[in-house]
Amino acid sequence: MTDPSQWADDLSTESDPCLQDLDLFSQEMAKVYGNKDQRRVAVITLMQGHIQLPQESVRAYANRLKVNLRQAGWNVQKYTEVLYDIT
């Protein structure tokens, strides 16, 4: 299973053909983000990681939740109020 954030990092550090071809980039994005198992794992991670750690600042906690929301396929802009309520 491809980690989307790792894929994006790899893509940006290499001279990948996806950077020159929008159609190819779209196909690769669909492969990475269209993975149902990736979304399922991200949702489980979100649910398990929704508790703020004792040593974690509110900002770090909110950023961690945003990452988990994105990986779960949720629109962070749409659910900003929910994120605010959680944090």
N, C-alpha and C. Protein backbone atom coordinates (compact mmCIF):
# COMPACT_ATOMS: atom_id res chain seq x y z
N MET A 1 0.85 -1.17 0.00
CA MET A 1 0.00 0.00 0.00
C MET A 1 0.90 1.24 0.00
N THR A 2 0.59 2.17 -0.85
CA THR A 2 1.38 3.39 -0.99
C THR A 2 0.89 4.45 -0.01
N ASP A 3 1.81 5.00 0.74
CA ASP A 3 1.47 6.11 1.63
C ASP A 3 1.44 7.38 0.78
N PRO A 4 0.29 8.07 0.70
CA PRO A 4 0.19 9.26 -0.16
C PRO A 4 1.22 10.33 0.13
N SER A 5 1.50 10.57 1.40
CA SER A 5 2.47 11.63 1.72
C SER A 5 3.87 11.22 1.27
N GLN A 6 4.20 9.94 1.41
CA GLN A 6 5.52 9.47 0.96
C GLN A 6 5.61 9.55 -0.56
N TRP A 7 4.51 9.18 -1.25
CA TRP A 7 4.48 9.26 -2.71
C TRP A 7 4.70 10.69 -3.17
N ALA A 8 4.05 11.64 -2.52
CA ALA A 8 4.20 13.05 -2.89
C ALA A 8 5.63 13.52 -2.66
N ASP A 9 6.23 13.11 -1.54
CA ASP A 9 7.62 13.48 -1.27
C ASP A 9 8.55 12.91 -2.34
N ASP A 10 8.34 11.62 -2.66
CA ASP A 10 9.18 10.98 -3.68
C ASP A 10 9.02 11.67 -5.03
N LEU A 11 7.79 12.01 -5.36
CA LEU A 11 7.50 12.65 -6.63
C LEU A 11 8.19 14.01 -6.74
N SER A 12 8.17 14.76 -5.66
CA SER A 12 8.74 16.10 -5.70
C SER A 12 10.27 16.10 -5.72
N THR A 13 10.90 15.04 -5.20
CA THR A 13 12.36 15.01 -5.16
C THR A 13 12.97 14.36 -6.40
N GLU A 14 12.14 13.71 -7.19
CA GLU A 14 12.63 13.06 -8.40
C GLU A 14 12.11 13.83 -9.61
N SER A 15 12.72 13.60 -10.75
CA SER A 15 12.19 14.20 -11.97
C SER A 15 11.22 13.20 -12.59
N ASP A 16 10.10 13.03 -11.94
CA ASP A 16 9.09 12.06 -12.34
C ASP A 16 8.31 12.57 -13.55
N PRO A 17 7.96 11.69 -14.50
CA PRO A 17 7.18 12.10 -15.66
C PRO A 17 5.82 12.70 -15.28
N CYS A 18 5.31 12.36 -14.13
CA CYS A 18 4.02 12.90 -13.67
C CYS A 18 4.06 14.43 -13.54
N LEU A 19 5.24 14.96 -13.29
CA LEU A 19 5.36 16.40 -13.12
C LEU A 19 5.20 17.16 -14.44
N GLN A 20 5.32 16.45 -15.55
CA GLN A 20 5.21 17.07 -16.86
C GLN A 20 3.91 16.74 -17.59
N ASP A 21 3.16 15.74 -17.10
CA ASP A 21 1.98 15.25 -17.80
C ASP A 21 0.80 15.18 -16.83
N LEU A 22 -0.18 16.08 -17.01
CA LEU A 22 -1.32 16.16 -16.10
C LEU A 22 -2.15 14.88 -16.12
N ASP A 23 -2.35 14.29 -17.30
CA ASP A 23 -3.12 13.05 -17.38
C ASP A 23 -2.45 11.92 -16.61
N LEU A 24 -1.16 11.79 -16.77
CA LEU A 24 -0.40 10.77 -16.05
C LEU A 24 -0.46 11.04 -14.55
N PHE A 25 -0.32 12.30 -14.18
CA PHE A 25 -0.41 12.68 -12.77
C PHE A 25 -1.78 12.31 -12.20
N SER A 26 -2.85 12.59 -12.95
CA SER A 26 -4.20 12.26 -12.50
C SER A 26 -4.38 10.76 -12.31
N GLN A 27 -3.83 9.98 -13.23
CA GLN A 27 -3.93 8.52 -13.11
C GLN A 27 -3.20 8.02 -11.87
N GLU A 28 -2.01 8.57 -11.64
CA GLU A 28 -1.24 8.16 -10.46
C GLU A 28 -1.94 8.59 -9.16
N MET A 29 -2.54 9.77 -9.17
CA MET A 29 -3.30 10.23 -8.00
C MET A 29 -4.46 9.28 -7.70
N ALA A 30 -5.14 8.85 -8.75
CA ALA A 30 -6.26 7.92 -8.58
C ALA A 30 -5.77 6.59 -7.99
N LYS A 31 -4.59 6.16 -8.42
CA LYS A 31 -4.03 4.92 -7.87
C LYS A 31 -3.73 5.07 -6.38
N VAL A 32 -3.15 6.21 -6.02
CA VAL A 32 -2.74 6.42 -4.64
C VAL A 32 -3.94 6.70 -3.74
N TYR A 33 -4.77 7.68 -4.12
CA TYR A 33 -5.87 8.09 -3.26
C TYR A 33 -7.14 7.29 -3.50
N GLY A 34 -7.20 6.53 -4.57
CA GLY A 34 -8.39 5.73 -4.84
C GLY A 34 -8.33 4.37 -4.16
N ASN A 35 -7.29 4.12 -3.41
CA ASN A 35 -7.10 2.85 -2.72
C ASN A 35 -8.02 2.78 -1.51
N LYS A 36 -9.02 1.92 -1.57
CA LYS A 36 -10.01 1.79 -0.48
C LYS A 36 -9.34 1.34 0.81
N ASP A 37 -8.35 0.45 0.72
CA ASP A 37 -7.66 0.00 1.93
C ASP A 37 -6.92 1.14 2.59
N GLN A 38 -6.32 2.01 1.78
CA GLN A 38 -5.61 3.17 2.34
C GLN A 38 -6.59 4.06 3.11
N ARG A 39 -7.77 4.28 2.53
CA ARG A 39 -8.77 5.11 3.20
C ARG A 39 -9.26 4.43 4.48
N ARG A 40 -9.47 3.11 4.43
CA ARG A 40 -9.95 2.39 5.61
C ARG A 40 -8.93 2.48 6.74
N VAL A 41 -7.67 2.26 6.41
CA VAL A 41 -6.61 2.34 7.42
C VAL A 41 -6.52 3.76 7.96
N ALA A 42 -6.68 4.76 7.09
CA ALA A 42 -6.62 6.15 7.54
C ALA A 42 -7.77 6.47 8.48
N VAL A 43 -8.96 5.95 8.20
CA VAL A 43 -10.11 6.18 9.08
C VAL A 43 -9.86 5.53 10.44
N ILE A 44 -9.33 4.31 10.44
CA ILE A 44 -9.02 3.63 11.70
C ILE A 44 -7.99 4.43 12.48
N THR A 45 -6.95 4.91 11.77
CA THR A 45 -5.92 5.73 12.42
C THR A 45 -6.53 6.99 13.01
N LEU A 46 -7.43 7.62 12.26
CA LEU A 46 -8.10 8.82 12.74
C LEU A 46 -8.88 8.53 14.01
N MET A 47 -9.62 7.45 14.01
CA MET A 47 -10.45 7.12 15.17
C MET A 47 -9.59 6.74 16.38
N GLN A 48 -8.50 6.05 16.14
CA GLN A 48 -7.63 5.66 17.25
C GLN A 48 -6.78 6.82 17.75
N GLY A 49 -6.51 7.78 16.86
CA GLY A 49 -5.62 8.86 17.22
C GLY A 49 -6.31 10.17 17.53
N HIS A 50 -7.60 10.13 17.83
CA HIS A 50 -8.33 11.38 18.05
C HIS A 50 -8.11 11.97 19.43
N ILE A 51 -7.39 11.27 20.28
CA ILE A 51 -7.14 11.77 21.64
C ILE A 51 -5.82 12.53 21.65
N GLN A 52 -5.85 13.70 22.25
CA GLN A 52 -4.64 14.52 22.33
C GLN A 52 -3.67 13.89 23.32
N LEU A 53 -2.43 13.78 22.91
CA LEU A 53 -1.39 13.22 23.77
C LEU A 53 -1.00 14.23 24.85
N PRO A 54 -0.58 13.77 26.02
CA PRO A 54 -0.27 14.69 27.12
C PRO A 54 0.80 15.73 26.77
N GLN A 55 1.82 15.33 26.02
CA GLN A 55 2.92 16.24 25.69
C GLN A 55 2.67 17.01 24.39
N GLU A 56 1.50 16.85 23.77
CA GLU A 56 1.21 17.44 22.46
C GLU A 56 0.52 18.79 22.61
N SER A 57 1.05 19.80 21.91
CA SER A 57 0.41 21.12 21.94
C SER A 57 -0.89 21.06 21.14
N VAL A 58 -1.76 22.03 21.36
CA VAL A 58 -3.03 22.08 20.64
C VAL A 58 -2.77 22.22 19.13
N ARG A 59 -1.80 23.03 18.77
CA ARG A 59 -1.48 23.22 17.34
C ARG A 59 -1.00 21.91 16.71
N ALA A 60 -0.09 21.21 17.39
CA ALA A 60 0.40 19.93 16.87
C ALA A 60 -0.73 18.91 16.78
N TYR A 61 -1.60 18.91 17.77
CA TYR A 61 -2.75 18.00 17.79
C TYR A 61 -3.68 18.30 16.61
N ALA A 62 -3.99 19.56 16.37
CA ALA A 62 -4.87 19.95 15.26
C ALA A 62 -4.24 19.58 13.92
N ASN A 63 -2.93 19.80 13.78
CA ASN A 63 -2.24 19.44 12.54
C ASN A 63 -2.26 17.94 12.31
N ARG A 64 -2.09 17.18 13.37
CA ARG A 64 -2.13 15.71 13.25
C ARG A 64 -3.52 15.26 12.83
N LEU A 65 -4.55 15.86 13.39
CA LEU A 65 -5.92 15.52 13.01
C LEU A 65 -6.19 15.88 11.55
N LYS A 66 -5.68 17.02 11.10
CA LYS A 66 -5.86 17.42 9.70
C LYS A 66 -5.25 16.39 8.75
N VAL A 67 -4.05 15.95 9.08
CA VAL A 67 -3.38 14.94 8.25
C VAL A 67 -4.23 13.67 8.20
N ASN A 68 -4.72 13.24 9.35
CA ASN A 68 -5.54 12.04 9.40
C ASN A 68 -6.84 12.21 8.62
N LEU A 69 -7.45 13.40 8.71
CA LEU A 69 -8.68 13.66 7.96
C LEU A 69 -8.42 13.58 6.46
N ARG A 70 -7.33 14.20 6.01
CA ARG A 70 -7.00 14.16 4.58
C ARG A 70 -6.75 12.74 4.11
N GLN A 71 -6.00 11.96 4.89
CA GLN A 71 -5.70 10.59 4.51
C GLN A 71 -6.97 9.74 4.47
N ALA A 72 -7.94 10.10 5.28
CA ALA A 72 -9.21 9.37 5.29
C ALA A 72 -10.11 9.79 4.14
N GLY A 73 -9.68 10.79 3.38
CA GLY A 73 -10.45 11.23 2.23
C GLY A 73 -11.47 12.30 2.56
N TRP A 74 -11.39 12.89 3.72
CA TRP A 74 -12.33 13.93 4.12
C TRP A 74 -11.84 15.28 3.65
N ASN A 75 -12.76 16.14 3.32
CA ASN A 75 -12.45 17.51 2.92
C ASN A 75 -12.26 18.34 4.18
N VAL A 76 -11.02 18.71 4.47
CA VAL A 76 -10.72 19.44 5.71
C VAL A 76 -11.45 20.78 5.75
N GLN A 77 -11.56 21.46 4.59
CA GLN A 77 -12.27 22.75 4.56
C GLN A 77 -13.73 22.56 4.94
N LYS A 78 -14.34 21.51 4.44
CA LYS A 78 -15.75 21.26 4.70
C LYS A 78 -16.00 20.93 6.17
N TYR A 79 -15.06 20.26 6.80
CA TYR A 79 -15.25 19.81 8.18
C TYR A 79 -14.42 20.63 9.18
N THR A 80 -14.12 21.87 8.83
CA THR A 80 -13.33 22.73 9.72
C THR A 80 -14.02 22.90 11.07
N GLU A 81 -15.33 23.05 11.07
CA GLU A 81 -16.06 23.22 12.34
C GLU A 81 -15.94 21.97 13.21
N VAL A 82 -16.01 20.80 12.59
CA VAL A 82 -15.86 19.55 13.34
C VAL A 82 -14.46 19.48 13.92
N LEU A 83 -13.47 19.80 13.10
CA LEU A 83 -12.09 19.80 13.58
C LEU A 83 -11.92 20.77 14.75
N TYR A 84 -12.52 21.96 14.62
CA TYR A 84 -12.47 22.95 15.69
C TYR A 84 -13.11 22.42 16.97
N ASP A 85 -14.27 21.76 16.81
CA ASP A 85 -14.96 21.20 17.99
C ASP A 85 -14.12 20.13 18.67
N ILE A 86 -13.45 19.30 17.86
CA ILE A 86 -12.62 18.23 18.45
C ILE A 86 -11.44 18.83 19.20
N THR A 87 -10.78 19.82 18.59
CA THR A 87 -9.59 20.38 19.24
C THR A 87 -9.99 21.34 20.34
